[in-house]
Amino acid sequence: MINNVEMINLVCVFDHSSKSALIADMEASLPYIDDSDMADLMKETLRLIEAMTEAEFAELVFEPALEEDEEWGA
């Protein structure tokens, strides 16, 4: 399950109107990611999304997340 701030925020950037749309959008973007850490994060996130059922995907909340010590506008 997508359960960390980095993955949640990453997913929010892409078309998450459906599981298939999110996967397609992320896969299309992956070749253009030059940062290896970001590419690894995207690959791991994709792996987790692909393993989800449609019901699990429907339960995801697509809102940017903050670290515990962060505040909006800080």
N, C-alpha and C. Protein backbone atom coordinates (compact mmCIF):
# COMPACT_ATOMS: atom_id res chain seq x y z
N MET A 1 0.85 -1.17 0.00
CA MET A 1 0.00 0.00 0.00
C MET A 1 0.89 1.24 0.00
N ILE A 2 0.45 2.26 -0.67
CA ILE A 2 1.19 3.52 -0.69
C ILE A 2 1.02 4.16 0.68
N ASN A 3 2.14 4.28 1.40
CA ASN A 3 2.01 4.70 2.79
C ASN A 3 3.08 5.68 3.24
N ASN A 4 3.78 6.29 2.32
CA ASN A 4 4.73 7.31 2.77
C ASN A 4 4.49 8.62 2.01
N VAL A 5 4.95 9.70 2.60
CA VAL A 5 4.70 11.04 2.09
C VAL A 5 5.21 11.19 0.66
N GLU A 6 6.39 10.68 0.38
CA GLU A 6 6.97 10.85 -0.95
C GLU A 6 6.10 10.18 -2.01
N MET A 7 5.63 8.97 -1.75
CA MET A 7 4.79 8.27 -2.72
C MET A 7 3.44 8.96 -2.90
N ILE A 8 2.84 9.38 -1.80
CA ILE A 8 1.55 10.05 -1.88
C ILE A 8 1.67 11.32 -2.71
N ASN A 9 2.67 12.12 -2.43
CA ASN A 9 2.86 13.37 -3.17
C ASN A 9 3.20 13.11 -4.64
N LEU A 10 3.96 12.08 -4.91
CA LEU A 10 4.29 11.73 -6.29
C LEU A 10 3.02 11.38 -7.06
N VAL A 11 2.19 10.54 -6.49
CA VAL A 11 0.97 10.10 -7.16
C VAL A 11 0.05 11.29 -7.45
N CYS A 12 0.03 12.28 -6.57
CA CYS A 12 -0.84 13.45 -6.75
C CYS A 12 -0.50 14.25 -8.00
N VAL A 13 0.71 14.13 -8.49
CA VAL A 13 1.15 14.88 -9.66
C VAL A 13 0.58 14.30 -10.96
N PHE A 14 0.22 13.03 -10.94
CA PHE A 14 -0.21 12.33 -12.14
C PHE A 14 -1.72 12.20 -12.22
N ASP A 15 -2.21 11.78 -13.39
CA ASP A 15 -3.63 11.52 -13.59
C ASP A 15 -4.02 10.32 -12.75
N HIS A 16 -4.76 10.55 -11.69
CA HIS A 16 -5.16 9.45 -10.81
C HIS A 16 -6.68 9.25 -10.86
N SER A 17 -7.27 9.56 -12.02
CA SER A 17 -8.71 9.37 -12.19
C SER A 17 -9.09 7.89 -12.18
N SER A 18 -8.13 7.04 -12.47
CA SER A 18 -8.34 5.59 -12.39
C SER A 18 -6.97 4.93 -12.20
N LYS A 19 -6.98 3.70 -11.78
CA LYS A 19 -5.73 2.97 -11.58
C LYS A 19 -4.98 2.85 -12.91
N SER A 20 -5.70 2.50 -13.97
CA SER A 20 -5.03 2.34 -15.27
C SER A 20 -4.49 3.67 -15.79
N ALA A 21 -5.21 4.77 -15.56
CA ALA A 21 -4.73 6.09 -16.00
C ALA A 21 -3.46 6.47 -15.25
N LEU A 22 -3.44 6.21 -13.95
CA LEU A 22 -2.26 6.53 -13.15
C LEU A 22 -1.05 5.73 -13.62
N ILE A 23 -1.23 4.45 -13.81
CA ILE A 23 -0.13 3.60 -14.26
C ILE A 23 0.40 4.07 -15.61
N ALA A 24 -0.52 4.33 -16.54
CA ALA A 24 -0.11 4.77 -17.88
C ALA A 24 0.63 6.11 -17.83
N ASP A 25 0.13 7.05 -17.02
CA ASP A 25 0.74 8.37 -16.93
C ASP A 25 2.13 8.28 -16.31
N MET A 26 2.27 7.48 -15.26
CA MET A 26 3.58 7.34 -14.62
C MET A 26 4.56 6.63 -15.53
N GLU A 27 4.12 5.56 -16.21
CA GLU A 27 5.01 4.83 -17.12
C GLU A 27 5.46 5.71 -18.28
N ALA A 28 4.57 6.57 -18.77
CA ALA A 28 4.93 7.46 -19.87
C ALA A 28 5.96 8.51 -19.43
N SER A 29 5.92 8.89 -18.18
CA SER A 29 6.84 9.90 -17.65
C SER A 29 8.19 9.34 -17.24
N LEU A 30 8.22 8.10 -16.84
CA LEU A 30 9.43 7.49 -16.29
C LEU A 30 10.68 7.65 -17.16
N PRO A 31 10.61 7.48 -18.48
CA PRO A 31 11.83 7.63 -19.29
C PRO A 31 12.44 9.03 -19.25
N TYR A 32 11.68 10.01 -18.83
CA TYR A 32 12.15 11.40 -18.81
C TYR A 32 12.70 11.82 -17.45
N ILE A 33 12.72 10.92 -16.50
CA ILE A 33 13.20 11.23 -15.16
C ILE A 33 14.70 10.97 -15.12
N ASP A 34 15.48 12.02 -14.92
CA ASP A 34 16.94 11.91 -14.90
C ASP A 34 17.49 11.58 -13.52
N ASP A 35 16.75 11.93 -12.48
CA ASP A 35 17.20 11.70 -11.12
C ASP A 35 16.97 10.24 -10.74
N SER A 36 18.03 9.52 -10.40
CA SER A 36 17.91 8.09 -10.14
C SER A 36 17.06 7.79 -8.89
N ASP A 37 17.15 8.65 -7.88
CA ASP A 37 16.32 8.44 -6.68
C ASP A 37 14.84 8.60 -7.01
N MET A 38 14.52 9.60 -7.81
CA MET A 38 13.13 9.81 -8.21
C MET A 38 12.64 8.67 -9.09
N ALA A 39 13.49 8.21 -10.00
CA ALA A 39 13.11 7.08 -10.86
C ALA A 39 12.85 5.83 -10.02
N ASP A 40 13.70 5.60 -9.03
CA ASP A 40 13.50 4.45 -8.14
C ASP A 40 12.20 4.57 -7.37
N LEU A 41 11.90 5.78 -6.88
CA LEU A 41 10.65 6.01 -6.16
C LEU A 41 9.45 5.75 -7.07
N MET A 42 9.54 6.22 -8.31
CA MET A 42 8.45 5.99 -9.26
C MET A 42 8.27 4.52 -9.56
N LYS A 43 9.36 3.79 -9.75
CA LYS A 43 9.27 2.36 -10.03
C LYS A 43 8.66 1.60 -8.86
N GLU A 44 9.07 1.92 -7.66
CA GLU A 44 8.52 1.27 -6.47
C GLU A 44 7.04 1.61 -6.31
N THR A 45 6.69 2.86 -6.54
CA THR A 45 5.29 3.27 -6.45
C THR A 45 4.45 2.56 -7.51
N LEU A 46 4.96 2.48 -8.71
CA LEU A 46 4.27 1.75 -9.77
C LEU A 46 4.06 0.29 -9.40
N ARG A 47 5.08 -0.32 -8.83
CA ARG A 47 4.98 -1.73 -8.43
C ARG A 47 3.85 -1.91 -7.41
N LEU A 48 3.77 -1.00 -6.46
CA LEU A 48 2.73 -1.09 -5.44
C LEU A 48 1.33 -0.85 -6.02
N ILE A 49 1.22 0.12 -6.92
CA ILE A 49 -0.07 0.41 -7.54
C ILE A 49 -0.54 -0.77 -8.38
N GLU A 50 0.37 -1.34 -9.15
CA GLU A 50 0.01 -2.48 -10.00
C GLU A 50 -0.46 -3.67 -9.17
N ALA A 51 0.07 -3.82 -7.97
CA ALA A 51 -0.30 -4.94 -7.11
C ALA A 51 -1.63 -4.72 -6.39
N MET A 52 -2.12 -3.48 -6.37
CA MET A 52 -3.38 -3.16 -5.69
C MET A 52 -4.57 -3.68 -6.46
N THR A 53 -5.60 -4.01 -5.71
CA THR A 53 -6.87 -4.32 -6.35
C THR A 53 -7.56 -2.98 -6.67
N GLU A 54 -8.59 -3.04 -7.49
CA GLU A 54 -9.35 -1.82 -7.80
C GLU A 54 -9.98 -1.26 -6.53
N ALA A 55 -10.42 -2.12 -5.64
CA ALA A 55 -11.03 -1.68 -4.38
C ALA A 55 -10.01 -0.96 -3.51
N GLU A 56 -8.80 -1.48 -3.43
CA GLU A 56 -7.74 -0.82 -2.65
C GLU A 56 -7.40 0.54 -3.26
N PHE A 57 -7.34 0.60 -4.60
CA PHE A 57 -7.05 1.86 -5.26
C PHE A 57 -8.13 2.88 -4.98
N ALA A 58 -9.37 2.45 -4.97
CA ALA A 58 -10.50 3.36 -4.73
C ALA A 58 -10.46 3.96 -3.33
N GLU A 59 -9.78 3.32 -2.40
CA GLU A 59 -9.69 3.81 -1.03
C GLU A 59 -8.58 4.86 -0.84
N LEU A 60 -7.72 5.02 -1.83
CA LEU A 60 -6.63 6.00 -1.71
C LEU A 60 -7.18 7.42 -1.67
N VAL A 61 -6.54 8.24 -0.87
CA VAL A 61 -6.88 9.66 -0.79
C VAL A 61 -5.79 10.42 -1.52
N PHE A 62 -6.17 11.16 -2.54
CA PHE A 62 -5.20 11.86 -3.37
C PHE A 62 -5.09 13.32 -2.95
N GLU A 63 -4.47 13.54 -1.81
CA GLU A 63 -4.20 14.87 -1.31
C GLU A 63 -2.73 14.92 -0.93
N PRO A 64 -2.05 16.02 -1.30
CA PRO A 64 -0.64 16.13 -0.92
C PRO A 64 -0.48 15.95 0.58
N ALA A 65 0.58 15.29 0.95
CA ALA A 65 0.84 15.01 2.36
C ALA A 65 2.04 15.80 2.85
N LEU A 66 2.07 16.06 4.13
CA LEU A 66 3.19 16.74 4.76
C LEU A 66 3.88 15.79 5.72
N GLU A 67 5.16 16.02 5.90
CA GLU A 67 5.88 15.31 6.94
C GLU A 67 5.32 15.80 8.27
N GLU A 68 5.49 15.05 9.35
CA GLU A 68 4.96 15.41 10.65
C GLU A 68 5.45 16.78 11.12
N ASP A 69 6.66 17.15 10.76
CA ASP A 69 7.22 18.41 11.25
C ASP A 69 7.05 19.57 10.27
N GLU A 70 6.29 19.37 9.17
CA GLU A 70 6.08 20.41 8.19
C GLU A 70 4.72 21.08 8.38
N GLU A 71 4.62 22.32 7.90
CA GLU A 71 3.38 23.04 7.90
C GLU A 71 3.18 23.64 6.51
N TRP A 72 1.91 23.77 6.07
CA TRP A 72 1.64 24.42 4.79
C TRP A 72 2.10 25.86 4.86
N GLY A 73 2.74 26.33 3.83
CA GLY A 73 3.20 27.70 3.75
C GLY A 73 4.49 27.98 4.51
N ALA A 74 5.07 26.94 5.10
CA ALA A 74 6.30 27.13 5.88
C ALA A 74 7.51 27.12 4.98
